[in-house]
C-alpha atoms as a PDB file:
ATOM      1  CA  MET A   1     -42.496 -20.222 -40.784  1.00  0.00           C
ATOM      2  CA  TYR A   2     -39.349 -19.661 -42.785  1.00  0.00           C
ATOM      3  CA  ASP A   3     -37.418 -16.416 -43.298  1.00  0.00           C
ATOM      4  CA  ASN A   4     -38.594 -14.232 -46.141  1.00  0.00           C
ATOM      5  CA  TYR A   5     -36.534 -14.250 -49.332  1.00  0.00           C
ATOM      6  CA  PRO A   6     -34.879 -12.335 -50.672  1.00  0.00           C
ATOM      7  CA  ASN A   7     -33.945 -10.201 -47.679  1.00  0.00           C
ATOM      8  CA  PRO A   8     -33.086  -7.363 -48.213  1.00  0.00           C
ATOM      9  CA  PHE A   9     -35.525  -7.050 -51.100  1.00  0.00           C
ATOM     10  CA  ASN A  10     -36.765  -4.702 -53.821  1.00  0.00           C
ATOM     11  CA  PRO A  11     -39.637  -4.681 -54.699  1.00  0.00           C
ATOM     12  CA  VAL A  12     -41.033  -8.156 -53.857  1.00  0.00           C
ATOM     13  CA  THR A  13     -40.365 -10.706 -51.123  1.00  0.00           C
ATOM     14  CA  THR A  14     -41.865 -14.117 -50.365  1.00  0.00           C
ATOM     15  CA  ILE A  15     -42.700 -15.628 -46.977  1.00  0.00           C
ATOM     16  CA  ARG A  16     -43.066 -19.406 -46.794  1.00  0.00           C
ATOM     17  CA  TYR A  17     -44.838 -21.370 -44.086  1.00  0.00           C
ATOM     18  CA  GLU A  18     -45.887 -24.947 -43.410  1.00  0.00           C
ATOM     19  CA  LEU A  19     -49.015 -26.179 -41.639  1.00  0.00           C
ATOM     20  CA  LEU A  20     -49.387 -29.644 -40.159  1.00  0.00           C
ATOM     21  CA  GLU A  21     -53.166 -29.292 -39.965  1.00  0.00           C
ATOM     22  CA  PRO A  22     -55.811 -26.850 -41.195  1.00  0.00           C
ATOM     23  CA  SER A  23     -55.375 -23.591 -39.285  1.00  0.00           C
ATOM     24  CA  GLN A  24     -56.693 -20.054 -39.022  1.00  0.00           C
ATOM     25  CA  VAL A  25     -53.714 -18.071 -40.318  1.00  0.00           C
ATOM     26  CA  THR A  26     -52.893 -14.389 -40.172  1.00  0.00           C
ATOM     27  CA  LEU A  27     -49.759 -12.947 -41.732  1.00  0.00           C
ATOM     28  CA  ILE A  28     -49.403  -9.210 -41.196  1.00  0.00           C
ATOM     29  CA  ILE A  29     -46.677  -6.724 -42.131  1.00  0.00           C
ATOM     30  CA  TYR A  30     -45.998  -3.887 -39.643  1.00  0.00           C
ATOM     31  CA  ASP A  31     -43.813  -0.798 -39.780  1.00  0.00           C
ATOM     32  CA  MET A  32     -41.301  -0.166 -36.984  1.00  0.00           C
ATOM     33  CA  MET A  33     -43.872   1.911 -35.108  1.00  0.00           C
ATOM     34  CA  GLY A  34     -46.143  -1.154 -34.870  1.00  0.00           C
ATOM     35  CA  ARG A  35     -48.735   0.098 -37.359  1.00  0.00           C
ATOM     36  CA  GLU A  36     -50.263  -2.459 -39.712  1.00  0.00           C
ATOM     37  CA  VAL A  37     -48.984  -1.948 -43.245  1.00  0.00           C
ATOM     38  CA  ARG A  38     -50.413  -4.950 -45.084  1.00  0.00           C
ATOM     39  CA  ARG A  39     -52.478  -8.005 -44.195  1.00  0.00           C
ATOM     40  CA  LEU A  40     -51.285 -10.776 -46.510  1.00  0.00           C
ATOM     41  CA  VAL A  41     -53.284 -13.700 -45.084  1.00  0.00           C
ATOM     42  CA  ASN A  42     -56.389 -13.822 -42.911  1.00  0.00           C
ATOM     43  CA  ASP A  43     -58.105 -17.113 -43.615  1.00  0.00           C
ATOM     44  CA  VAL A  44     -58.362 -20.797 -42.798  1.00  0.00           C
ATOM     45  CA  VAL A  45     -55.516 -22.480 -44.664  1.00  0.00           C
ATOM     46  CA  GLU A  46     -55.206 -26.195 -45.394  1.00  0.00           C
ATOM     47  CA  THR A  47     -52.343 -28.505 -44.419  1.00  0.00           C
ATOM     48  CA  GLY A  48     -49.096 -28.212 -46.407  1.00  0.00           C
ATOM     49  CA  TYR A  49     -46.553 -25.702 -47.661  1.00  0.00           C
ATOM     50  CA  HIS A  50     -47.728 -22.198 -48.565  1.00  0.00           C
ATOM     51  CA  THR A  51     -46.259 -18.901 -49.720  1.00  0.00           C
ATOM     52  CA  ALA A  52     -47.343 -15.303 -49.369  1.00  0.00           C
ATOM     53  CA  THR A  53     -45.833 -12.539 -51.488  1.00  0.00           C
ATOM     54  CA  TRP A  54     -45.496  -8.911 -50.452  1.00  0.00           C
ATOM     55  CA  ASP A  55     -45.126  -6.385 -53.270  1.00  0.00           C
ATOM     56  CA  SER A  56     -44.056  -3.439 -51.059  1.00  0.00           C
ATOM     57  CA  ARG A  57     -47.577  -1.998 -51.030  1.00  0.00           C
ATOM     58  CA  ASN A  58     -49.780  -1.140 -48.080  1.00  0.00           C
ATOM     59  CA  ASN A  59     -53.435  -2.111 -47.583  1.00  0.00           C
ATOM     60  CA  ALA A  60     -54.496   0.939 -49.641  1.00  0.00           C
ATOM     61  CA  GLY A  61     -52.298  -0.111 -52.585  1.00  0.00           C
ATOM     62  CA  ALA A  62     -49.643   2.593 -52.185  1.00  0.00           C
ATOM     63  CA  VAL A  63     -45.945   1.692 -52.416  1.00  0.00           C
ATOM     64  CA  VAL A  64     -44.258   2.027 -49.018  1.00  0.00           C
ATOM     65  CA  SER A  65     -40.885   3.631 -48.324  1.00  0.00           C
ATOM     66  CA  SER A  66     -37.562   1.871 -47.838  1.00  0.00           C
ATOM     67  CA  GLY A  67     -36.879   0.637 -44.341  1.00  0.00           C
ATOM     68  CA  MET A  68     -37.166  -2.146 -41.815  1.00  0.00           C
ATOM     69  CA  TYR A  69     -40.504  -3.942 -41.494  1.00  0.00           C
ATOM     70  CA  LEU A  70     -41.793  -6.662 -39.184  1.00  0.00           C
ATOM     71  CA  TYR A  71     -44.004  -9.550 -40.109  1.00  0.00           C
ATOM     72  CA  ARG A  72     -46.061 -11.632 -37.699  1.00  0.00           C
ATOM     73  CA  PHE A  73     -47.388 -15.093 -38.507  1.00  0.00           C
ATOM     74  CA  THR A  74     -50.116 -16.587 -36.321  1.00  0.00           C
ATOM     75  CA  ALA A  75     -51.725 -20.004 -36.761  1.00  0.00           C
ATOM     76  CA  THR A  76     -54.427 -21.442 -34.500  1.00  0.00           C
ATOM     77  CA  PRO A  77     -56.275 -24.728 -34.944  1.00  0.00           C
ATOM     78  CA  ALA A  78     -59.228 -24.573 -37.303  1.00  0.00           C
ATOM     79  CA  GLY A  79     -60.880 -27.599 -35.709  1.00  0.00           C
ATOM     80  CA  SER A  80     -61.981 -28.054 -32.123  1.00  0.00           C
ATOM     81  CA  GLU A  81     -60.332 -31.467 -31.630  1.00  0.00           C
ATOM     82  CA  SER A  82     -56.680 -30.543 -31.962  1.00  0.00           C
ATOM     83  CA  GLU A  83     -53.675 -30.955 -29.689  1.00  0.00           C
ATOM     84  CA  PHE A  84     -52.086 -28.013 -31.509  1.00  0.00           C
ATOM     85  CA  THR A  85     -52.496 -24.907 -29.362  1.00  0.00           C
ATOM     86  CA  GLY A  86     -51.264 -22.399 -31.925  1.00  0.00           C
ATOM     87  CA  ILE A  87     -48.115 -20.515 -32.807  1.00  0.00           C
ATOM     88  CA  THR A  88     -47.056 -16.912 -33.263  1.00  0.00           C
ATOM     89  CA  GLU A  89     -43.736 -15.988 -34.836  1.00  0.00           C
ATOM     90  CA  SER A  90     -42.262 -12.647 -35.841  1.00  0.00           C
ATOM     91  CA  ASN A  91     -39.315 -11.610 -37.964  1.00  0.00           C
ATOM     92  CA  THR A  92     -37.828  -8.540 -39.616  1.00  0.00           C
ATOM     93  CA  MET A  93     -37.173  -7.712 -43.244  1.00  0.00           C
ATOM     94  CA  LEU A  94     -35.494  -4.857 -45.053  1.00  0.00           C
ATOM     95  CA  LEU A  95     -36.945  -3.072 -48.080  1.00  0.00           C
ATOM     96  CA  VAL A  96     -34.209  -1.280 -50.047  1.00  0.00           C
ATOM     97  CA  LYS A  97     -35.044   0.906 -53.039  1.00  0.00           C
END
C-alpha cells in the first residue's frame, strides 16, 4: 500500500495498492474514534496495481467534516494454496475544507 495523495486533501484523495496475487481486500476509512466512515473496497481483487478514491463521504453518502482520518488496508490470499499469509497496514490522512 502506498500513501494516499494528495494529503492533506479537499475533497478527494486516492489510495494506491499493489497485489502480487489475487487477494480478498478490504480498505476502510475510520474516524479518530475508531468508527467506520466508509468502506471503499470489500472484494476479491486480481493481481496488479489498483486505486481507490475517497470523495469525503461516509457510507450513507453524507460529506464528512474536516479532520484526521485513518485508513486500514487488509489483504488475505484468495486461494488456498498460497505462501502469502496476508497483510494489514494503516495510515492517517487529513481532510481540510
